Amino acid sequence: MLKKKSIPKVSLISNSEKETQACAQRLAGQLKRGDIVFLKGDLGAGKTTFVKGLAQAFKLSPKKVSSPTFVIMNYYKGKLPIYHFDLYRLEKPAEIDTLDFDEYFYGEGISLIEWPERLGMHAPKQYYLVEFQHKSEHQRKICISYPLKPQLKSSH
């Protein structure tokens, strides 16, 4: 039987792009090969800015990071490979079948996915969730939920 546990969550207010990137750099210290990070929020909420901070933590210039809206995925080669997906333009989850996500999701790098709700049934079972909410022109609320693997309850 599965034992349910609450998912640890961290919330903070970012007052600038620099603070958003610093938040991402702190999360980067928790990430390892094969980890998946969902980035949820409206257009302009700070998702790509967050990716720039993660990239910097993995020894990549944030200037090399751009939104992959029109190409679906950008690959960044740093200390660990980063696969940055933007699924905004996908209209149907069936379109995902042509993209070979498993090769990236469970590979040697870290997968960052903007608009993850478009994955449908292709969504992995374990991931970090980073949610962005506009508070004002320069202020964002960022909530990070850390994944837990289901714990098996002992029958003893």
C-alpha atoms as a PDB file:
ATOM      1  CA  MET A   1       0.000   0.000   0.000  1.00  0.00           C
ATOM      2  CA  LEU A   2       1.271   3.484  -0.785  1.00  0.00           C
ATOM      3  CA  LYS A   3       1.823   5.850   2.089  1.00  0.00           C
ATOM      4  CA  LYS A   4       1.004   9.473   1.196  1.00  0.00           C
ATOM      5  CA  LYS A   5       3.322  12.264   2.268  1.00  0.00           C
ATOM      6  CA  SER A   6       2.956  15.953   1.690  1.00  0.00           C
ATOM      7  CA  ILE A   7       5.250  17.452  -0.914  1.00  0.00           C
ATOM      8  CA  PRO A   8       7.730  19.963   0.511  1.00  0.00           C
ATOM      9  CA  LYS A   9       7.133  23.418  -0.933  1.00  0.00           C
ATOM     10  CA  VAL A  10       9.101  26.655  -0.851  1.00  0.00           C
ATOM     11  CA  SER A  11       7.511  30.008  -1.724  1.00  0.00           C
ATOM     12  CA  LEU A  12       9.257  33.316  -2.184  1.00  0.00           C
ATOM     13  CA  ILE A  13       8.789  36.731  -3.706  1.00  0.00           C
ATOM     14  CA  SER A  14      11.227  37.840  -6.413  1.00  0.00           C
ATOM     15  CA  ASN A  15      11.564  41.572  -7.003  1.00  0.00           C
ATOM     16  CA  SER A  16      13.839  41.372 -10.055  1.00  0.00           C
ATOM     17  CA  GLU A  17      15.240  39.149 -12.786  1.00  0.00           C
ATOM     18  CA  LYS A  18      18.443  38.878 -10.752  1.00  0.00           C
ATOM     19  CA  GLU A  19      16.502  37.528  -7.743  1.00  0.00           C
ATOM     20  CA  THR A  20      14.638  35.053  -9.984  1.00  0.00           C
ATOM     21  CA  GLN A  21      17.964  33.805 -11.355  1.00  0.00           C
ATOM     22  CA  ALA A  22      19.394  33.512  -7.827  1.00  0.00           C
ATOM     23  CA  CYS A  23      16.381  31.384  -6.834  1.00  0.00           C
ATOM     24  CA  ALA A  24      17.065  29.099  -9.804  1.00  0.00           C
ATOM     25  CA  GLN A  25      20.724  28.806  -8.829  1.00  0.00           C
ATOM     26  CA  ARG A  26      19.697  27.589  -5.374  1.00  0.00           C
ATOM     27  CA  LEU A  27      17.434  24.951  -6.923  1.00  0.00           C
ATOM     28  CA  ALA A  28      20.257  23.887  -9.261  1.00  0.00           C
ATOM     29  CA  GLY A  29      22.192  22.677  -6.218  1.00  0.00           C
ATOM     30  CA  GLN A  30      19.481  20.030  -5.688  1.00  0.00           C
ATOM     31  CA  LEU A  31      19.325  18.796  -9.294  1.00  0.00           C
ATOM     32  CA  LYS A  32      21.080  15.786 -10.748  1.00  0.00           C
ATOM     33  CA  ARG A  33      21.187  13.903 -14.049  1.00  0.00           C
ATOM     34  CA  GLY A  34      17.747  12.790 -15.208  1.00  0.00           C
ATOM     35  CA  ASP A  35      15.818  15.326 -13.135  1.00  0.00           C
ATOM     36  CA  ILE A  36      12.817  17.023 -14.697  1.00  0.00           C
ATOM     37  CA  VAL A  37      11.598  20.506 -13.803  1.00  0.00           C
ATOM     38  CA  PHE A  38       8.156  21.753 -14.810  1.00  0.00           C
ATOM     39  CA  LEU A  39       7.920  25.534 -15.219  1.00  0.00           C
ATOM     40  CA  LYS A  40       4.333  26.816 -14.988  1.00  0.00           C
ATOM     41  CA  GLY A  41       3.162  30.389 -15.367  1.00  0.00           C
ATOM     42  CA  ASP A  42       1.657  32.890 -17.764  1.00  0.00           C
ATOM     43  CA  LEU A  43       3.564  34.419 -20.664  1.00  0.00           C
ATOM     44  CA  GLY A  44       6.190  36.797 -19.300  1.00  0.00           C
ATOM     45  CA  ALA A  45       6.037  35.337 -15.788  1.00  0.00           C
ATOM     46  CA  GLY A  46       9.775  34.631 -15.596  1.00  0.00           C
ATOM     47  CA  LYS A  47      10.173  31.039 -16.772  1.00  0.00           C
ATOM     48  CA  THR A  48      13.008  31.714 -19.228  1.00  0.00           C
ATOM     49  CA  THR A  49      14.661  34.083 -16.746  1.00  0.00           C
ATOM     50  CA  PHE A  50      14.623  31.203 -14.260  1.00  0.00           C
ATOM     51  CA  VAL A  51      16.238  28.916 -16.863  1.00  0.00           C
ATOM     52  CA  LYS A  52      19.008  31.506 -17.288  1.00  0.00           C
ATOM     53  CA  GLY A  53      19.772  31.204 -13.577  1.00  0.00           C
ATOM     54  CA  LEU A  54      19.852  27.410 -13.761  1.00  0.00           C
ATOM     55  CA  ALA A  55      22.126  27.550 -16.786  1.00  0.00           C
ATOM     56  CA  GLN A  56      24.505  29.876 -14.973  1.00  0.00           C
ATOM     57  CA  ALA A  57      24.680  27.434 -12.049  1.00  0.00           C
ATOM     58  CA  PHE A  58      25.794  24.753 -14.520  1.00  0.00           C
ATOM     59  CA  LYS A  59      28.612  26.939 -15.897  1.00  0.00           C
ATOM     60  CA  LEU A  60      26.790  28.248 -18.963  1.00  0.00           C
ATOM     61  CA  SER A  61      26.418  31.902 -19.885  1.00  0.00           C
ATOM     62  CA  PRO A  62      22.822  33.089 -19.345  1.00  0.00           C
ATOM     63  CA  LYS A  63      23.218  35.047 -22.593  1.00  0.00           C
ATOM     64  CA  LYS A  64      23.101  31.727 -24.470  1.00  0.00           C
ATOM     65  CA  VAL A  65      19.626  30.959 -23.094  1.00  0.00           C
ATOM     66  CA  SER A  66      16.590  31.914 -25.139  1.00  0.00           C
ATOM     67  CA  SER A  67      12.984  30.814 -25.201  1.00  0.00           C
ATOM     68  CA  PRO A  68      12.525  27.764 -27.456  1.00  0.00           C
ATOM     69  CA  THR A  69       8.927  28.698 -28.300  1.00  0.00           C
ATOM     70  CA  PHE A  70       9.413  28.292 -32.055  1.00  0.00           C
ATOM     71  CA  VAL A  71      11.846  25.357 -32.001  1.00  0.00           C
ATOM     72  CA  ILE A  72      10.260  23.350 -29.122  1.00  0.00           C
ATOM     73  CA  MET A  73      13.637  22.544 -27.496  1.00  0.00           C
ATOM     74  CA  ASN A  74      16.988  24.231 -26.934  1.00  0.00           C
ATOM     75  CA  TYR A  75      20.031  22.247 -25.835  1.00  0.00           C
ATOM     76  CA  TYR A  76      22.597  23.904 -23.596  1.00  0.00           C
ATOM     77  CA  LYS A  77      25.919  22.194 -22.938  1.00  0.00           C
ATOM     78  CA  GLY A  78      27.200  23.055 -19.483  1.00  0.00           C
ATOM     79  CA  LYS A  79      28.463  21.110 -16.479  1.00  0.00           C
ATOM     80  CA  LEU A  80      25.363  18.976 -17.112  1.00  0.00           C
ATOM     81  CA  PRO A  81      23.383  19.041 -20.366  1.00  0.00           C
ATOM     82  CA  ILE A  82      20.206  21.126 -20.129  1.00  0.00           C
ATOM     83  CA  TYR A  83      17.211  20.375 -22.348  1.00  0.00           C
ATOM     84  CA  HIS A  84      14.912  23.409 -22.337  1.00  0.00           C
ATOM     85  CA  PHE A  85      11.473  22.642 -23.766  1.00  0.00           C
ATOM     86  CA  ASP A  86       8.696  25.118 -24.512  1.00  0.00           C
ATOM     87  CA  LEU A  87       5.476  23.296 -25.382  1.00  0.00           C
ATOM     88  CA  TYR A  88       3.349  26.412 -25.813  1.00  0.00           C
ATOM     89  CA  ARG A  89       2.872  25.855 -29.549  1.00  0.00           C
ATOM     90  CA  LEU A  90       1.846  22.195 -29.262  1.00  0.00           C
ATOM     91  CA  GLU A  91      -1.867  21.902 -29.831  1.00  0.00           C
ATOM     92  CA  LYS A  92      -2.427  18.217 -29.097  1.00  0.00           C
ATOM     93  CA  PRO A  93      -0.627  15.805 -26.764  1.00  0.00           C
ATOM     94  CA  ALA A  94      -0.395  13.397 -29.735  1.00  0.00           C
ATOM     95  CA  GLU A  95       2.174  15.756 -31.308  1.00  0.00           C
ATOM     96  CA  ILE A  96       4.507  14.811 -28.483  1.00  0.00           C
ATOM     97  CA  ASP A  97       4.787  11.262 -29.819  1.00  0.00           C
ATOM     98  CA  THR A  98       6.998  12.578 -32.626  1.00  0.00           C
ATOM     99  CA  LEU A  99       9.493  14.242 -30.260  1.00  0.00           C
ATOM    100  CA  ASP A 100      11.167  11.276 -28.464  1.00  0.00           C
ATOM    101  CA  PHE A 101      10.933  12.944 -25.035  1.00  0.00           C
ATOM    102  CA  ASP A 102      12.087   9.823 -23.194  1.00  0.00           C
ATOM    103  CA  GLU A 103      15.538  10.217 -24.738  1.00  0.00           C
ATOM    104  CA  TYR A 104      15.859  13.563 -22.963  1.00  0.00           C
ATOM    105  CA  PHE A 105      13.696  13.093 -19.871  1.00  0.00           C
ATOM    106  CA  TYR A 106      15.615  10.117 -18.586  1.00  0.00           C
ATOM    107  CA  GLY A 107      18.991  10.850 -20.140  1.00  0.00           C
ATOM    108  CA  GLU A 108      22.231  12.433 -19.054  1.00  0.00           C
ATOM    109  CA  GLY A 109      20.941  15.931 -18.471  1.00  0.00           C
ATOM    110  CA  ILE A 110      18.263  17.989 -16.793  1.00  0.00           C
ATOM    111  CA  SER A 111      14.971  18.650 -18.593  1.00  0.00           C
ATOM    112  CA  LEU A 112      13.247  21.997 -18.072  1.00  0.00           C
ATOM    113  CA  ILE A 113       9.706  22.106 -19.458  1.00  0.00           C
ATOM    114  CA  GLU A 114       7.651  25.242 -19.983  1.00  0.00           C
ATOM    115  CA  TRP A 115       3.896  24.629 -20.429  1.00  0.00           C
ATOM    116  CA  PRO A 116       4.134  21.054 -19.033  1.00  0.00           C
ATOM    117  CA  GLU A 117       0.348  20.634 -18.970  1.00  0.00           C
ATOM    118  CA  ARG A 118       0.640  20.023 -22.734  1.00  0.00           C
ATOM    119  CA  LEU A 119       2.422  16.717 -22.018  1.00  0.00           C
ATOM    120  CA  GLY A 120      -0.876  15.020 -21.193  1.00  0.00           C
ATOM    121  CA  MET A 121      -0.320  11.321 -20.520  1.00  0.00           C
ATOM    122  CA  HIS A 122       3.375  11.729 -21.379  1.00  0.00           C
ATOM    123  CA  ALA A 123       4.028  13.601 -18.129  1.00  0.00           C
ATOM    124  CA  PRO A 124       6.625  11.848 -15.980  1.00  0.00           C
ATOM    125  CA  LYS A 125       5.588  10.595 -12.548  1.00  0.00           C
ATOM    126  CA  GLN A 126       8.308  12.516 -10.700  1.00  0.00           C
ATOM    127  CA  TYR A 127       9.394  16.095 -11.281  1.00  0.00           C
ATOM    128  CA  TYR A 128      10.092  19.390  -9.593  1.00  0.00           C
ATOM    129  CA  LEU A 129       7.342  21.956 -10.069  1.00  0.00           C
ATOM    130  CA  VAL A 130       8.185  25.664 -10.243  1.00  0.00           C
ATOM    131  CA  GLU A 131       5.138  27.948 -10.453  1.00  0.00           C
ATOM    132  CA  PHE A 132       5.342  31.644 -11.314  1.00  0.00           C
ATOM    133  CA  GLN A 133       2.682  34.204 -10.509  1.00  0.00           C
ATOM    134  CA  HIS A 134       2.706  37.905 -11.463  1.00  0.00           C
ATOM    135  CA  LYS A 135       2.387  40.149  -8.407  1.00  0.00           C
ATOM    136  CA  SER A 136       3.333  43.416 -10.166  1.00  0.00           C
ATOM    137  CA  GLU A 137       5.404  44.561 -13.151  1.00  0.00           C
ATOM    138  CA  HIS A 138       8.685  43.447 -11.567  1.00  0.00           C
ATOM    139  CA  GLN A 139       7.517  41.230  -8.724  1.00  0.00           C
ATOM    140  CA  ARG A 140       6.796  37.492  -8.974  1.00  0.00           C
ATOM    141  CA  LYS A 141       5.738  34.853  -6.500  1.00  0.00           C
ATOM    142  CA  ILE A 142       7.715  31.671  -7.107  1.00  0.00           C
ATOM    143  CA  CYS A 143       6.632  28.365  -5.543  1.00  0.00           C
ATOM    144  CA  ILE A 144       8.870  25.315  -5.815  1.00  0.00           C
ATOM    145  CA  SER A 145       7.509  21.870  -4.976  1.00  0.00           C
ATOM    146  CA  TYR A 146      10.038  19.104  -4.495  1.00  0.00           C
ATOM    147  CA  PRO A 147       9.216  15.598  -5.706  1.00  0.00           C
ATOM    148  CA  LEU A 148       8.977  12.600  -3.452  1.00  0.00           C
ATOM    149  CA  LYS A 149       8.950   9.022  -4.602  1.00  0.00           C
ATOM    150  CA  PRO A 150       5.992   7.062  -3.212  1.00  0.00           C
ATOM    151  CA  GLN A 151       7.001   5.304   0.007  1.00  0.00           C
ATOM    152  CA  LEU A 152       5.953   1.704   0.406  1.00  0.00           C
ATOM    153  CA  LYS A 153       4.267   1.075   3.722  1.00  0.00           C
ATOM    154  CA  SER A 154       5.679  -1.905   5.560  1.00  0.00           C
ATOM    155  CA  SER A 155       3.206  -4.738   6.146  1.00  0.00           C
ATOM    156  CA  HIS A 156       5.021  -5.938   9.303  1.00  0.00           C
END
